[in-house]
Amino acid sequence: MAMLNRVHLNGLRAVETVARLGSLAAAAAELNVSVSAVSQQVKRTEKQLGQALFERTPGGLVPTEFGAAFTARLSAGFRELAQAVALAD
């Protein structure tokens, strides 16, 4: 869990959302922030992890092999968190 404290949760949310939706713009709309904010969060998270999560291509961001495995785990984790919060309803 110590490694988790080195990575900001908002960055993880941004990374997961970009990977799931396939674009910075769609992620920004879902997260209610600017495209620039999402881009900065993705870059910051990659720096914190010391690994590239996406390849920058003319068509947009494409998950690296590591990024695909990483974001699959993030998606599962965020689904679990959503179910836990739903218990409060």
PDB file of N, CA and C in Angstrom:
ATOM      1  N   MET A   1       0.813  -1.200   0.000  1.00  0.00           N
ATOM      2  CA  MET A   1       0.000   0.000   0.000  1.00  0.00           C
ATOM      3  C   MET A   1       0.854   1.261   0.000  1.00  0.00           C
ATOM      4  N   ALA A   2       2.111   1.179   0.377  1.00  0.00           N
ATOM      5  CA  ALA A   2       2.967   2.362   0.417  1.00  0.00           C
ATOM      6  C   ALA A   2       3.091   2.996  -0.961  1.00  0.00           C
ATOM      7  N   MET A   3       3.179   2.177  -2.009  1.00  0.00           N
ATOM      8  CA  MET A   3       3.283   2.704  -3.376  1.00  0.00           C
ATOM      9  C   MET A   3       2.038   3.513  -3.738  1.00  0.00           C
ATOM     10  N   LEU A   4       0.878   3.088  -3.256  1.00  0.00           N
ATOM     11  CA  LEU A   4      -0.366   3.776  -3.553  1.00  0.00           C
ATOM     12  C   LEU A   4      -0.339   5.215  -3.051  1.00  0.00           C
ATOM     13  N   ASN A   5       0.331   5.460  -1.953  1.00  0.00           N
ATOM     14  CA  ASN A   5       0.414   6.811  -1.407  1.00  0.00           C
ATOM     15  C   ASN A   5       1.243   7.749  -2.272  1.00  0.00           C
ATOM     16  N   ARG A   6       2.017   7.202  -3.201  1.00  0.00           N
ATOM     17  CA  ARG A   6       2.849   8.032  -4.084  1.00  0.00           C
ATOM     18  C   ARG A   6       2.103   8.472  -5.339  1.00  0.00           C
ATOM     19  N   VAL A   7       0.909   7.953  -5.563  1.00  0.00           N
ATOM     20  CA  VAL A   7       0.149   8.252  -6.775  1.00  0.00           C
ATOM     21  C   VAL A   7      -1.163   8.909  -6.374  1.00  0.00           C
ATOM     22  N   HIS A   8      -1.479  10.031  -7.021  1.00  0.00           N
ATOM     23  CA  HIS A   8      -2.700  10.760  -6.700  1.00  0.00           C
ATOM     24  C   HIS A   8      -3.932  10.047  -7.259  1.00  0.00           C
ATOM     25  N   LEU A   9      -4.972   9.981  -6.460  1.00  0.00           N
ATOM     26  CA  LEU A   9      -6.207   9.318  -6.858  1.00  0.00           C
ATOM     27  C   LEU A   9      -6.835   9.982  -8.082  1.00  0.00           C
ATOM     28  N   ASN A  10      -6.800  11.312  -8.153  1.00  0.00           N
ATOM     29  CA  ASN A  10      -7.371  11.987  -9.322  1.00  0.00           C
ATOM     30  C   ASN A  10      -6.636  11.597 -10.597  1.00  0.00           C
ATOM     31  N   GLY A  11      -5.345  11.383 -10.502  1.00  0.00           N
ATOM     32  CA  GLY A  11      -4.588  10.931 -11.663  1.00  0.00           C
ATOM     33  C   GLY A  11      -5.010   9.540 -12.092  1.00  0.00           C
ATOM     34  N   LEU A  12      -5.214   8.666 -11.121  1.00  0.00           N
ATOM     35  CA  LEU A  12      -5.671   7.310 -11.443  1.00  0.00           C
ATOM     36  C   LEU A  12      -7.052   7.342 -12.079  1.00  0.00           C
ATOM     37  N   ARG A  13      -7.928   8.210 -11.579  1.00  0.00           N
ATOM     38  CA  ARG A  13      -9.261   8.361 -12.181  1.00  0.00           C
ATOM     39  C   ARG A  13      -9.150   8.841 -13.612  1.00  0.00           C
ATOM     40  N   ALA A  14      -8.272   9.811 -13.851  1.00  0.00           N
ATOM     41  CA  ALA A  14      -8.102  10.338 -15.204  1.00  0.00           C
ATOM     42  C   ALA A  14      -7.574   9.260 -16.143  1.00  0.00           C
ATOM     43  N   VAL A  15      -6.577   8.515 -15.709  1.00  0.00           N
ATOM     44  CA  VAL A  15      -5.995   7.448 -16.531  1.00  0.00           C
ATOM     45  C   VAL A  15      -7.055   6.397 -16.866  1.00  0.00           C
ATOM     46  N   GLU A  16      -7.796   5.958 -15.875  1.00  0.00           N
ATOM     47  CA  GLU A  16      -8.818   4.935 -16.098  1.00  0.00           C
ATOM     48  C   GLU A  16      -9.891   5.435 -17.050  1.00  0.00           C
ATOM     49  N   THR A  17     -10.295   6.682 -16.892  1.00  0.00           N
ATOM     50  CA  THR A  17     -11.358   7.233 -17.727  1.00  0.00           C
ATOM     51  C   THR A  17     -10.905   7.393 -19.174  1.00  0.00           C
ATOM     52  N   VAL A  18      -9.684   7.867 -19.371  1.00  0.00           N
ATOM     53  CA  VAL A  18      -9.146   7.987 -20.733  1.00  0.00           C
ATOM     54  C   VAL A  18      -9.086   6.615 -21.391  1.00  0.00           C
ATOM     55  N   ALA A  19      -8.596   5.638 -20.677  1.00  0.00           N
ATOM     56  CA  ALA A  19      -8.482   4.293 -21.244  1.00  0.00           C
ATOM     57  C   ALA A  19      -9.858   3.712 -21.579  1.00  0.00           C
ATOM     58  N   ARG A  20     -10.813   3.918 -20.704  1.00  0.00           N
ATOM     59  CA  ARG A  20     -12.154   3.358 -20.900  1.00  0.00           C
ATOM     60  C   ARG A  20     -12.905   4.047 -22.031  1.00  0.00           C
ATOM     61  N   LEU A  21     -12.779   5.370 -22.119  1.00  0.00           N
ATOM     62  CA  LEU A  21     -13.544   6.129 -23.111  1.00  0.00           C
ATOM     63  C   LEU A  21     -12.774   6.362 -24.409  1.00  0.00           C
ATOM     64  N   GLY A  22     -11.464   6.237 -24.353  1.00  0.00           N
ATOM     65  CA  GLY A  22     -10.666   6.329 -25.564  1.00  0.00           C
ATOM     66  C   GLY A  22     -10.253   7.715 -26.004  1.00  0.00           C
ATOM     67  N   SER A  23     -10.556   8.731 -25.203  1.00  0.00           N
ATOM     68  CA  SER A  23     -10.105  10.068 -25.595  1.00  0.00           C
ATOM     69  C   SER A  23     -10.018  10.994 -24.387  1.00  0.00           C
ATOM     70  N   LEU A  24      -9.150  11.987 -24.524  1.00  0.00           N
ATOM     71  CA  LEU A  24      -9.016  12.996 -23.476  1.00  0.00           C
ATOM     72  C   LEU A  24     -10.297  13.813 -23.356  1.00  0.00           C
ATOM     73  N   ALA A  25     -10.899  14.159 -24.499  1.00  0.00           N
ATOM     74  CA  ALA A  25     -12.102  14.990 -24.483  1.00  0.00           C
ATOM     75  C   ALA A  25     -13.262  14.280 -23.794  1.00  0.00           C
ATOM     76  N   ALA A  26     -13.460  13.017 -24.104  1.00  0.00           N
ATOM     77  CA  ALA A  26     -14.540  12.259 -23.474  1.00  0.00           C
ATOM     78  C   ALA A  26     -14.285  12.108 -21.980  1.00  0.00           C
ATOM     79  N   ALA A  27     -13.042  11.869 -21.610  1.00  0.00           N
ATOM     80  CA  ALA A  27     -12.694  11.752 -20.193  1.00  0.00           C
ATOM     81  C   ALA A  27     -12.935  13.074 -19.473  1.00  0.00           C
ATOM     82  N   ALA A  28     -12.545  14.174 -20.111  1.00  0.00           N
ATOM     83  CA  ALA A  28     -12.744  15.495 -19.506  1.00  0.00           C
ATOM     84  C   ALA A  28     -14.222  15.766 -19.278  1.00  0.00           C
ATOM     85  N   ALA A  29     -15.053  15.404 -20.251  1.00  0.00           N
ATOM     86  CA  ALA A  29     -16.495  15.612 -20.110  1.00  0.00           C
ATOM     87  C   ALA A  29     -17.057  14.789 -18.953  1.00  0.00           C
ATOM     88  N   GLU A  30     -16.633  13.519 -18.838  1.00  0.00           N
ATOM     89  CA  GLU A  30     -17.140  12.676 -17.754  1.00  0.00           C
ATOM     90  C   GLU A  30     -16.677  13.164 -16.388  1.00  0.00           C
ATOM     91  N   LEU A  31     -15.444  13.639 -16.321  1.00  0.00           N
ATOM     92  CA  LEU A  31     -14.873  14.074 -15.046  1.00  0.00           C
ATOM     93  C   LEU A  31     -15.182  15.536 -14.724  1.00  0.00           C
ATOM     94  N   ASN A  32     -15.825  16.240 -15.668  1.00  0.00           N
ATOM     95  CA  ASN A  32     -16.174  17.656 -15.487  1.00  0.00           C
ATOM     96  C   ASN A  32     -14.957  18.534 -15.240  1.00  0.00           C
ATOM     97  N   VAL A  33     -13.910  18.296 -16.022  1.00  0.00           N
ATOM     98  CA  VAL A  33     -12.699  19.113 -15.984  1.00  0.00           C
ATOM     99  C   VAL A  33     -12.277  19.399 -17.426  1.00  0.00           C
ATOM    100  N   SER A  34     -11.248  20.212 -17.603  1.00  0.00           N
ATOM    101  CA  SER A  34     -10.782  20.536 -18.950  1.00  0.00           C
ATOM    102  C   SER A  34      -9.944  19.394 -19.527  1.00  0.00           C
ATOM    103  N   VAL A  35      -9.837  19.388 -20.845  1.00  0.00           N
ATOM    104  CA  VAL A  35      -8.987  18.412 -21.522  1.00  0.00           C
ATOM    105  C   VAL A  35      -7.548  18.574 -21.038  1.00  0.00           C
ATOM    106  N   SER A  36      -7.122  19.810 -20.866  1.00  0.00           N
ATOM    107  CA  SER A  36      -5.770  20.079 -20.383  1.00  0.00           C
ATOM    108  C   SER A  36      -5.541  19.475 -18.998  1.00  0.00           C
ATOM    109  N   ALA A  37      -6.539  19.567 -18.130  1.00  0.00           N
ATOM    110  CA  ALA A  37      -6.405  18.999 -16.781  1.00  0.00           C
ATOM    111  C   ALA A  37      -6.247  17.486 -16.848  1.00  0.00           C
ATOM    112  N   VAL A  38      -7.018  16.830 -17.708  1.00  0.00           N
ATOM    113  CA  VAL A  38      -6.908  15.377 -17.851  1.00  0.00           C
ATOM    114  C   VAL A  38      -5.524  15.020 -18.390  1.00  0.00           C
ATOM    115  N   SER A  39      -5.072  15.737 -19.404  1.00  0.00           N
ATOM    116  CA  SER A  39      -3.756  15.481 -19.984  1.00  0.00           C
ATOM    117  C   SER A  39      -2.656  15.625 -18.937  1.00  0.00           C
ATOM    118  N   GLN A  40      -2.736  16.674 -18.127  1.00  0.00           N
ATOM    119  CA  GLN A  40      -1.739  16.889 -17.077  1.00  0.00           C
ATOM    120  C   GLN A  40      -1.783  15.777 -16.039  1.00  0.00           C
ATOM    121  N   GLN A  41      -2.972  15.328 -15.674  1.00  0.00           N
ATOM    122  CA  GLN A  41      -3.098  14.243 -14.700  1.00  0.00           C
ATOM    123  C   GLN A  41      -2.496  12.951 -15.240  1.00  0.00           C
ATOM    124  N   VAL A  42      -2.732  12.666 -16.523  1.00  0.00           N
ATOM    125  CA  VAL A  42      -2.163  11.455 -17.126  1.00  0.00           C
ATOM    126  C   VAL A  42      -0.644  11.538 -17.108  1.00  0.00           C
ATOM    127  N   LYS A  43      -0.092  12.663 -17.520  1.00  0.00           N
ATOM    128  CA  LYS A  43       1.371  12.836 -17.535  1.00  0.00           C
ATOM    129  C   LYS A  43       1.951  12.718 -16.133  1.00  0.00           C
ATOM    130  N   ARG A  44       1.292  13.339 -15.162  1.00  0.00           N
ATOM    131  CA  ARG A  44       1.773  13.288 -13.772  1.00  0.00           C
ATOM    132  C   ARG A  44       1.752  11.861 -13.244  1.00  0.00           C
ATOM    133  N   THR A  45       0.703  11.130 -13.560  1.00  0.00           N
ATOM    134  CA  THR A  45       0.586   9.745 -13.098  1.00  0.00           C
ATOM    135  C   THR A  45       1.674   8.881 -13.733  1.00  0.00           C
ATOM    136  N   GLU A  46       1.920   9.073 -15.028  1.00  0.00           N
ATOM    137  CA  GLU A  46       2.993   8.322 -15.686  1.00  0.00           C
ATOM    138  C   GLU A  46       4.336   8.617 -15.017  1.00  0.00           C
ATOM    139  N   LYS A  47       4.562   9.880 -14.682  1.00  0.00           N
ATOM    140  CA  LYS A  47       5.809  10.249 -14.011  1.00  0.00           C
ATOM    141  C   LYS A  47       5.896   9.607 -12.630  1.00  0.00           C
ATOM    142  N   GLN A  48       4.798   9.619 -11.881  1.00  0.00           N
ATOM    143  CA  GLN A  48       4.790   9.020 -10.547  1.00  0.00           C
ATOM    144  C   GLN A  48       5.048   7.525 -10.607  1.00  0.00           C
ATOM    145  N   LEU A  49       4.515   6.871 -11.634  1.00  0.00           N
ATOM    146  CA  LEU A  49       4.706   5.428 -11.786  1.00  0.00           C
ATOM    147  C   LEU A  49       6.047   5.079 -12.413  1.00  0.00           C
ATOM    148  N   GLY A  50       6.613   6.019 -13.151  1.00  0.00           N
ATOM    149  CA  GLY A  50       7.872   5.753 -13.842  1.00  0.00           C
ATOM    150  C   GLY A  50       7.689   4.888 -15.079  1.00  0.00           C
ATOM    151  N   GLN A  51       6.471   4.883 -15.627  1.00  0.00           N
ATOM    152  CA  GLN A  51       6.169   4.067 -16.805  1.00  0.00           C
ATOM    153  C   GLN A  51       5.174   4.803 -17.689  1.00  0.00           C
ATOM    154  N   ALA A  52       5.330   4.640 -18.990  1.00  0.00           N
ATOM    155  CA  ALA A  52       4.346   5.185 -19.923  1.00  0.00           C
ATOM    156  C   ALA A  52       3.100   4.309 -19.901  1.00  0.00           C
ATOM    157  N   LEU A  53       1.950   4.946 -19.817  1.00  0.00           N
ATOM    158  CA  LEU A  53       0.678   4.232 -19.844  1.00  0.00           C
ATOM    159  C   LEU A  53       0.036   4.301 -21.223  1.00  0.00           C
ATOM    160  N   PHE A  54       0.366   5.344 -21.975  1.00  0.00           N
ATOM    161  CA  PHE A  54      -0.206   5.560 -23.295  1.00  0.00           C
ATOM    162  C   PHE A  54       0.889   5.938 -24.284  1.00  0.00           C
ATOM    163  N   GLU A  55       0.679   5.536 -25.529  1.00  0.00           N
ATOM    164  CA  GLU A  55       1.494   6.011 -26.636  1.00  0.00           C
ATOM    165  C   GLU A  55       0.740   7.187 -27.233  1.00  0.00           C
ATOM    166  N   ARG A  56       1.455   8.261 -27.528  1.00  0.00           N
ATOM    167  CA  ARG A  56       0.837   9.421 -28.160  1.00  0.00           C
ATOM    168  C   ARG A  56       0.904   9.213 -29.665  1.00  0.00           C
ATOM    169  N   THR A  57      -0.248   9.142 -30.315  1.00  0.00           N
ATOM    170  CA  THR A  57      -0.313   8.930 -31.757  1.00  0.00           C
ATOM    171  C   THR A  57      -1.132  10.062 -32.373  1.00  0.00           C
ATOM    172  N   PRO A  58      -1.052  10.240 -33.688  1.00  0.00           N
ATOM    173  CA  PRO A  58      -1.885  11.259 -34.328  1.00  0.00           C
ATOM    174  C   PRO A  58      -3.382  11.037 -34.080  1.00  0.00           C
ATOM    175  N   GLY A  59      -3.772   9.798 -33.854  1.00  0.00           N
ATOM    176  CA  GLY A  59      -5.172   9.478 -33.586  1.00  0.00           C
ATOM    177  C   GLY A  59      -5.562   9.599 -32.127  1.00  0.00           C
ATOM    178  N   GLY A  60      -4.622   9.904 -31.265  1.00  0.00           N
ATOM    179  CA  GLY A  60      -4.914  10.051 -29.840  1.00  0.00           C
ATOM    180  C   GLY A  60      -4.041   9.149 -28.990  1.00  0.00           C
ATOM    181  N   LEU A  61      -4.477   8.914 -27.782  1.00  0.00           N
ATOM    182  CA  LEU A  61      -3.727   8.095 -26.838  1.00  0.00           C
ATOM    183  C   LEU A  61      -4.118   6.625 -26.996  1.00  0.00           C
ATOM    184  N   VAL A  62      -3.105   5.785 -27.088  1.00  0.00           N
ATOM    185  CA  VAL A  62      -3.313   4.336 -27.199  1.00  0.00           C
ATOM    186  C   VAL A  62      -2.582   3.692 -26.024  1.00  0.00           C
ATOM    187  N   PRO A  63      -3.268   2.867 -25.227  1.00  0.00           N
ATOM    188  CA  PRO A  63      -2.589   2.249 -24.080  1.00  0.00           C
ATOM    189  C   PRO A  63      -1.388   1.401 -24.512  1.00  0.00           C
ATOM    190  N   THR A  64      -0.312   1.520 -23.758  1.00  0.00           N
ATOM    191  CA  THR A  64       0.829   0.633 -23.944  1.00  0.00           C
ATOM    192  C   THR A  64       0.424  -0.737 -23.411  1.00  0.00           C
ATOM    193  N   GLU A  65       1.274  -1.721 -23.582  1.00  0.00           N
ATOM    194  CA  GLU A  65       0.980  -3.053 -23.026  1.00  0.00           C
ATOM    195  C   GLU A  65       0.806  -2.948 -21.512  1.00  0.00           C
ATOM    196  N   PHE A  66       1.747  -2.245 -20.871  1.00  0.00           N
ATOM    197  CA  PHE A  66       1.635  -2.032 -19.427  1.00  0.00           C
ATOM    198  C   PHE A  66       0.367  -1.248 -19.098  1.00  0.00           C
ATOM    199  N   GLY A  67       0.086  -0.206 -19.883  1.00  0.00           N
ATOM    200  CA  GLY A  67      -1.083   0.633 -19.646  1.00  0.00           C
ATOM    201  C   GLY A  67      -2.382  -0.142 -19.720  1.00  0.00           C
ATOM    202  N   ALA A  68      -2.480  -1.064 -20.669  1.00  0.00           N
ATOM    203  CA  ALA A  68      -3.696  -1.863 -20.803  1.00  0.00           C
ATOM    204  C   ALA A  68      -3.908  -2.745 -19.573  1.00  0.00           C
ATOM    205  N   ALA A  69      -2.853  -3.390 -19.114  1.00  0.00           N
ATOM    206  CA  ALA A  69      -2.960  -4.237 -17.917  1.00  0.00           C
ATOM    207  C   ALA A  69      -3.254  -3.386 -16.684  1.00  0.00           C
ATOM    208  N   PHE A  70      -2.594  -2.251 -16.583  1.00  0.00           N
ATOM    209  CA  PHE A  70      -2.758  -1.351 -15.447  1.00  0.00           C
ATOM    210  C   PHE A  70      -4.179  -0.818 -15.374  1.00  0.00           C
ATOM    211  N   THR A  71      -4.698  -0.341 -16.508  1.00  0.00           N
ATOM    212  CA  THR A  71      -6.032   0.259 -16.499  1.00  0.00           C
ATOM    213  C   THR A  71      -7.132  -0.791 -16.332  1.00  0.00           C
ATOM    214  N   ALA A  72      -6.885  -2.019 -16.749  1.00  0.00           N
ATOM    215  CA  ALA A  72      -7.873  -3.075 -16.498  1.00  0.00           C
ATOM    216  C   ALA A  72      -8.044  -3.274 -14.996  1.00  0.00           C
ATOM    217  N   ARG A  73      -6.938  -3.256 -14.275  1.00  0.00           N
ATOM    218  CA  ARG A  73      -7.005  -3.387 -12.808  1.00  0.00           C
ATOM    219  C   ARG A  73      -7.657  -2.158 -12.179  1.00  0.00           C
ATOM    220  N   LEU A  74      -7.324  -0.961 -12.710  1.00  0.00           N
ATOM    221  CA  LEU A  74      -7.954   0.253 -12.183  1.00  0.00           C
ATOM    222  C   LEU A  74      -9.463   0.206 -12.373  1.00  0.00           C
ATOM    223  N   SER A  75      -9.902  -0.205 -13.556  1.00  0.00           N
ATOM    224  CA  SER A  75     -11.341  -0.273 -13.832  1.00  0.00           C
ATOM    225  C   SER A  75     -12.037  -1.203 -12.851  1.00  0.00           C
ATOM    226  N   ALA A  76     -11.445  -2.351 -12.604  1.00  0.00           N
ATOM    227  CA  ALA A  76     -12.016  -3.294 -11.639  1.00  0.00           C
ATOM    228  C   ALA A  76     -12.065  -2.674 -10.249  1.00  0.00           C
ATOM    229  N   GLY A  77     -11.017  -1.984  -9.871  1.00  0.00           N
ATOM    230  CA  GLY A  77     -10.971  -1.338  -8.563  1.00  0.00           C
ATOM    231  C   GLY A  77     -12.016  -0.245  -8.412  1.00  0.00           C
ATOM    232  N   PHE A  78     -12.177   0.578  -9.449  1.00  0.00           N
ATOM    233  CA  PHE A  78     -13.181   1.636  -9.381  1.00  0.00           C
ATOM    234  C   PHE A  78     -14.603   1.075  -9.382  1.00  0.00           C
ATOM    235  N   ARG A  79     -14.834  -0.046 -10.071  1.00  0.00           N
ATOM    236  CA  ARG A  79     -16.149  -0.691 -10.001  1.00  0.00           C
ATOM    237  C   ARG A  79     -16.432  -1.154  -8.571  1.00  0.00           C
ATOM    238  N   GLU A  80     -15.421  -1.733  -7.914  1.00  0.00           N
ATOM    239  CA  GLU A  80     -15.575  -2.157  -6.520  1.00  0.00           C
ATOM    240  C   GLU A  80     -15.867  -0.968  -5.609  1.00  0.00           C
ATOM    241  N   LEU A  81     -15.156   0.125  -5.801  1.00  0.00           N
ATOM    242  CA  LEU A  81     -15.395   1.326  -4.993  1.00  0.00           C
ATOM    243  C   LEU A  81     -16.818   1.855  -5.211  1.00  0.00           C
ATOM    244  N   ALA A  82     -17.274   1.861  -6.454  1.00  0.00           N
ATOM    245  CA  ALA A  82     -18.626   2.336  -6.750  1.00  0.00           C
ATOM    246  C   ALA A  82     -19.664   1.457  -6.050  1.00  0.00           C
ATOM    247  N   GLN A  83     -19.442   0.158  -6.042  1.00  0.00           N
ATOM    248  CA  GLN A  83     -20.383  -0.742  -5.356  1.00  0.00           C
ATOM    249  C   GLN A  83     -20.354  -0.510  -3.855  1.00  0.00           C
ATOM    250  N   ALA A  84     -19.196  -0.239  -3.303  1.00  0.00           N
ATOM    251  CA  ALA A  84     -19.100   0.029  -1.865  1.00  0.00           C
ATOM    252  C   ALA A  84     -19.847   1.305  -1.503  1.00  0.00           C
ATOM    253  N   VAL A  85     -19.666   2.348  -2.311  1.00  0.00           N
ATOM    254  CA  VAL A  85     -20.358   3.612  -2.053  1.00  0.00           C
ATOM    255  C   VAL A  85     -21.864   3.441  -2.233  1.00  0.00           C
ATOM    256  N   ALA A  86     -22.271   2.615  -3.174  1.00  0.00           N
ATOM    257  CA  ALA A  86     -23.697   2.377  -3.410  1.00  0.00           C
ATOM    258  C   ALA A  86     -24.388   1.758  -2.197  1.00  0.00           C
ATOM    259  N   LEU A  87     -23.634   1.068  -1.360  1.00  0.00           N
ATOM    260  CA  LEU A  87     -24.208   0.474  -0.144  1.00  0.00           C
ATOM    261  C   LEU A  87     -24.781   1.545   0.787  1.00  0.00           C
ATOM    262  N   ALA A  88     -24.285   2.758   0.667  1.00  0.00           N
ATOM    263  CA  ALA A  88     -24.736   3.843   1.534  1.00  0.00           C
ATOM    264  C   ALA A  88     -26.100   4.385   1.121  1.00  0.00           C
ATOM    265  N   ASP A  89     -26.567   4.028  -0.071  1.00  0.00           N
ATOM    266  CA  ASP A  89     -27.886   4.522  -0.537  1.00  0.00           C
ATOM    267  C   ASP A  89     -29.014   3.884   0.208  1.00  0.00           C
TER     268      ASP A  89
END
